[in-house]
């Protein structure tokens, strides 16, 4: 398993170098697409990430009764462990 992880890491490094070379070649050729495409991808990723965070906050299931009951149990257990008398 360790060797396959290293191989995957090597492939990721090689792919990132290839993308970097293509990007640099695009910049040197004067193509604005070399800038526009990565910016569009990054912006899309950030927008998707912000949407996911909002969706997670919007759909989280909060059960306040359970939290209050848990606090009462914790308070009762503290009273039995640390009597004030």
Protein backbone atom coordinates (compact mmCIF):
# COMPACT_ATOMS: atom_id res chain seq x y z
CA UNK A 1 0.00 0.00 0.00
CA UNK A 2 2.86 2.37 0.79
CA UNK A 3 4.42 1.91 -2.66
CA UNK A 4 1.13 2.64 -4.41
CA UNK A 5 0.76 5.82 -2.37
CA UNK A 6 4.24 6.91 -3.43
CA UNK A 7 3.44 6.12 -7.05
CA UNK A 8 0.26 8.16 -6.85
CA UNK A 9 2.19 11.03 -5.28
CA UNK A 10 4.75 10.86 -8.08
CA UNK A 11 2.00 10.93 -10.71
CA UNK A 12 0.43 13.97 -9.05
CA UNK A 13 3.80 15.76 -9.02
CA UNK A 14 4.43 14.90 -12.68
CA UNK A 15 0.95 16.08 -13.67
CA UNK A 16 1.40 19.37 -11.81
CA UNK A 17 4.73 19.96 -13.55
CA UNK A 18 3.12 19.24 -16.93
CA UNK A 19 0.30 21.70 -16.22
CA UNK A 20 2.85 24.30 -15.07
CA UNK A 21 4.85 23.87 -18.30
CA UNK A 22 1.71 24.23 -20.42
CA UNK A 23 0.77 27.35 -18.44
CA UNK A 24 4.22 28.91 -18.89
CA UNK A 25 4.19 28.08 -22.61
CA UNK A 26 0.80 29.75 -22.92
CA UNK A 27 2.01 32.85 -21.11
CA UNK A 28 5.14 33.09 -23.25
CA UNK A 29 3.08 32.77 -26.44
CA UNK A 30 0.97 35.74 -25.33
CA UNK A 31 -2.25 33.81 -24.97
CA UNK A 32 -4.70 35.33 -22.52
CA UNK A 33 -6.37 31.95 -22.24
CA UNK A 34 -3.37 30.83 -20.19
CA UNK A 35 -4.52 33.26 -17.51
CA UNK A 36 -8.27 33.11 -18.06
CA UNK A 37 -8.67 29.35 -17.73
CA UNK A 38 -6.82 28.93 -14.38
CA UNK A 39 -8.56 32.00 -12.96
CA UNK A 40 -11.95 30.65 -14.05
CA UNK A 41 -11.18 27.25 -12.52
CA UNK A 42 -10.01 28.77 -9.26
CA UNK A 43 -13.02 31.07 -9.06
CA UNK A 44 -15.36 28.15 -9.76
CA UNK A 45 -13.69 26.14 -7.00
CA UNK A 46 -14.01 28.98 -4.48
CA UNK A 47 -17.66 29.60 -5.37
CA UNK A 48 -18.39 25.89 -5.03
CA UNK A 49 -16.61 25.76 -1.68
CA UNK A 50 -18.56 28.76 -0.36
CA UNK A 51 -21.82 27.21 -1.59
CA UNK A 52 -20.95 23.92 0.15
CA UNK A 53 -20.23 25.71 3.43
CA UNK A 54 -23.53 27.59 3.19
CA UNK A 55 -25.42 24.40 2.33
CA UNK A 56 -23.83 22.60 5.28
CA UNK A 57 -24.77 25.40 7.68
CA UNK A 58 -28.29 25.60 6.24
CA UNK A 59 -29.00 21.87 6.49
CA UNK A 60 -27.33 21.04 9.81
CA UNK A 61 -29.72 19.35 12.23
CA UNK A 62 -29.54 21.12 15.58
CA UNK A 63 -31.26 19.46 18.49
CA UNK A 64 -31.29 21.96 21.33
CA UNK A 65 -33.28 19.72 23.70
CA UNK A 66 -30.51 17.11 23.67
CA UNK A 67 -27.87 19.74 24.41
CA UNK A 68 -29.86 21.15 27.33
CA UNK A 69 -30.52 17.66 28.71
CA UNK A 70 -26.83 16.84 28.39
CA UNK A 71 -25.91 19.99 30.30
CA UNK A 72 -28.32 19.08 33.08
CA UNK A 73 -26.82 15.58 33.34
CA UNK A 74 -23.30 17.07 33.42
CA UNK A 75 -24.35 19.52 36.13
CA UNK A 76 -25.91 16.74 38.21
CA UNK A 77 -22.82 14.57 37.88
CA UNK A 78 -20.61 17.49 38.98
CA UNK A 79 -22.78 17.98 42.06
CA UNK A 80 -22.45 14.31 43.06
CA UNK A 81 -18.68 14.27 42.49
CA UNK A 82 -17.96 17.55 44.25
CA UNK A 83 -20.31 18.02 47.21
CA UNK A 84 -20.26 21.53 48.62
CA UNK A 85 -20.99 20.43 52.18
